Amino acid sequence: MEEITTRDETSTVCTHGARQLPSGGLSMDGPPTTLSGTGVDHMAFAQANITRDNTKFVNGAIVGERNVFQVLFPFPGCCFR
């Protein structure tokens, strides 16, 4: 489980990005910085490996093939709290 947090220059959790106003000022009601809108998201990962080993020793040398299939499943979102 991994926690992703967005922070501003003062290390405060930042829920929304800055938006420039027509007057030149900045407003903190821009787009959300995380999927949950709270500034903190959690992500879980699942990993699977399948190995097919068709190797053998012939006269002291390894002959054959070895196939490795690896899959990584990321689960982003705020539901892993």
C-alpha atoms as a PDB file:
ATOM      1  CA  MET A   1       0.000   0.000   0.000  1.00  0.00           C
ATOM      2  CA  GLU A   2       1.365   3.380  -0.986  1.00  0.00           C
ATOM      3  CA  GLU A   3       0.199   6.813   0.109  1.00  0.00           C
ATOM      4  CA  ILE A   4       0.370   9.700  -2.372  1.00  0.00           C
ATOM      5  CA  THR A   5       0.199  13.225  -0.947  1.00  0.00           C
ATOM      6  CA  THR A   6       0.429  16.553  -2.745  1.00  0.00           C
ATOM      7  CA  ARG A   7       2.004  19.408  -0.812  1.00  0.00           C
ATOM      8  CA  ASP A   8       2.706  23.073  -1.502  1.00  0.00           C
ATOM      9  CA  GLU A   9       5.880  25.075  -0.835  1.00  0.00           C
ATOM     10  CA  THR A  10       5.156  25.191   2.911  1.00  0.00           C
ATOM     11  CA  SER A  11       4.646  21.379   3.124  1.00  0.00           C
ATOM     12  CA  THR A  12       0.919  21.800   3.719  1.00  0.00           C
ATOM     13  CA  VAL A  13      -1.387  19.246   2.078  1.00  0.00           C
ATOM     14  CA  CYS A  14      -2.695  20.830  -1.116  1.00  0.00           C
ATOM     15  CA  THR A  15      -6.164  19.672  -2.233  1.00  0.00           C
ATOM     16  CA  HIS A  16      -6.478  21.901  -5.313  1.00  0.00           C
ATOM     17  CA  GLY A  17      -4.036  23.521  -7.683  1.00  0.00           C
ATOM     18  CA  ALA A  18      -3.585  27.261  -8.105  1.00  0.00           C
ATOM     19  CA  ARG A  19      -5.510  29.114 -10.790  1.00  0.00           C
ATOM     20  CA  GLN A  20      -4.529  32.528 -12.109  1.00  0.00           C
ATOM     21  CA  LEU A  21      -7.274  35.149 -11.982  1.00  0.00           C
ATOM     22  CA  PRO A  22      -7.799  37.785 -14.692  1.00  0.00           C
ATOM     23  CA  SER A  23      -6.480  40.370 -12.218  1.00  0.00           C
ATOM     24  CA  GLY A  24      -3.171  38.451 -12.003  1.00  0.00           C
ATOM     25  CA  GLY A  25      -3.771  37.059  -8.520  1.00  0.00           C
ATOM     26  CA  LEU A  26      -3.863  33.371  -7.613  1.00  0.00           C
ATOM     27  CA  SER A  27      -6.878  31.424  -6.428  1.00  0.00           C
ATOM     28  CA  MET A  28      -6.594  27.987  -4.785  1.00  0.00           C
ATOM     29  CA  ASP A  29      -9.780  26.630  -6.364  1.00  0.00           C
ATOM     30  CA  GLY A  30      -8.115  25.107  -9.419  1.00  0.00           C
ATOM     31  CA  PRO A  31      -8.242  21.457 -10.443  1.00  0.00           C
ATOM     32  CA  PRO A  32      -7.976  18.756  -7.751  1.00  0.00           C
ATOM     33  CA  THR A  33      -4.461  17.444  -7.177  1.00  0.00           C
ATOM     34  CA  THR A  34      -5.524  13.875  -6.307  1.00  0.00           C
ATOM     35  CA  LEU A  35      -8.274  11.466  -7.347  1.00  0.00           C
ATOM     36  CA  SER A  36     -10.049  11.702  -3.990  1.00  0.00           C
ATOM     37  CA  GLY A  37      -9.963  15.509  -3.810  1.00  0.00           C
ATOM     38  CA  THR A  38      -8.517  15.446  -0.279  1.00  0.00           C
ATOM     39  CA  GLY A  39      -4.863  15.820  -1.285  1.00  0.00           C
ATOM     40  CA  VAL A  40      -4.089  12.277  -0.071  1.00  0.00           C
ATOM     41  CA  ASP A  41      -4.673   9.100  -2.117  1.00  0.00           C
ATOM     42  CA  HIS A  42      -3.816   5.467  -1.470  1.00  0.00           C
ATOM     43  CA  MET A  43      -2.714   2.905  -4.015  1.00  0.00           C
ATOM     44  CA  ALA A  44      -2.382  -0.857  -3.652  1.00  0.00           C
ATOM     45  CA  PHE A  45      -0.438  -3.177  -5.935  1.00  0.00           C
ATOM     46  CA  ALA A  46      -0.754  -6.881  -6.715  1.00  0.00           C
ATOM     47  CA  GLN A  47       1.905  -8.740  -8.641  1.00  0.00           C
ATOM     48  CA  ALA A  48       1.865 -12.155 -10.307  1.00  0.00           C
ATOM     49  CA  ASN A  49       4.732 -14.144 -11.835  1.00  0.00           C
ATOM     50  CA  ILE A  50       4.470 -17.258 -13.997  1.00  0.00           C
ATOM     51  CA  THR A  51       7.706 -19.058 -14.912  1.00  0.00           C
ATOM     52  CA  ARG A  52       8.007 -21.823 -17.489  1.00  0.00           C
ATOM     53  CA  ASP A  53      11.401 -23.492 -17.163  1.00  0.00           C
ATOM     54  CA  ASN A  54      12.383 -25.888 -19.949  1.00  0.00           C
ATOM     55  CA  THR A  55      16.137 -25.883 -19.265  1.00  0.00           C
ATOM     56  CA  LYS A  56      18.393 -28.894 -18.753  1.00  0.00           C
ATOM     57  CA  PHE A  57      22.097 -29.638 -18.457  1.00  0.00           C
ATOM     58  CA  VAL A  58      23.765 -31.080 -21.554  1.00  0.00           C
ATOM     59  CA  ASN A  59      27.519 -31.722 -21.217  1.00  0.00           C
ATOM     60  CA  GLY A  60      27.752 -29.190 -18.367  1.00  0.00           C
ATOM     61  CA  ALA A  61      25.932 -26.402 -20.239  1.00  0.00           C
ATOM     62  CA  ILE A  62      22.401 -25.159 -19.647  1.00  0.00           C
ATOM     63  CA  VAL A  63      20.275 -25.735 -22.744  1.00  0.00           C
ATOM     64  CA  GLY A  64      16.642 -24.805 -23.290  1.00  0.00           C
ATOM     65  CA  GLU A  65      14.488 -21.813 -22.625  1.00  0.00           C
ATOM     66  CA  ARG A  66      13.056 -20.122 -19.583  1.00  0.00           C
ATOM     67  CA  ASN A  67       9.985 -17.894 -19.985  1.00  0.00           C
ATOM     68  CA  VAL A  68       8.944 -15.450 -17.270  1.00  0.00           C
ATOM     69  CA  PHE A  69       5.598 -13.657 -17.479  1.00  0.00           C
ATOM     70  CA  GLN A  70       5.084 -10.872 -14.941  1.00  0.00           C
ATOM     71  CA  VAL A  71       1.932  -8.815 -14.394  1.00  0.00           C
ATOM     72  CA  LEU A  72       1.523  -5.816 -12.088  1.00  0.00           C
ATOM     73  CA  PHE A  73      -1.989  -4.720 -11.115  1.00  0.00           C
ATOM     74  CA  PRO A  74      -2.225  -1.174  -9.685  1.00  0.00           C
ATOM     75  CA  PHE A  75      -5.402  -0.278  -7.803  1.00  0.00           C
ATOM     76  CA  PRO A  76      -5.578   3.546  -7.513  1.00  0.00           C
ATOM     77  CA  GLY A  77      -8.247   5.338  -5.579  1.00  0.00           C
ATOM     78  CA  CYS A  78      -9.398   6.521  -2.231  1.00  0.00           C
ATOM     79  CA  CYS A  79     -11.141   3.291  -1.209  1.00  0.00           C
ATOM     80  CA  PHE A  80      -8.000   1.740   0.381  1.00  0.00           C
ATOM     81  CA  ARG A  81      -7.927   3.630   3.666  1.00  0.00           C
END
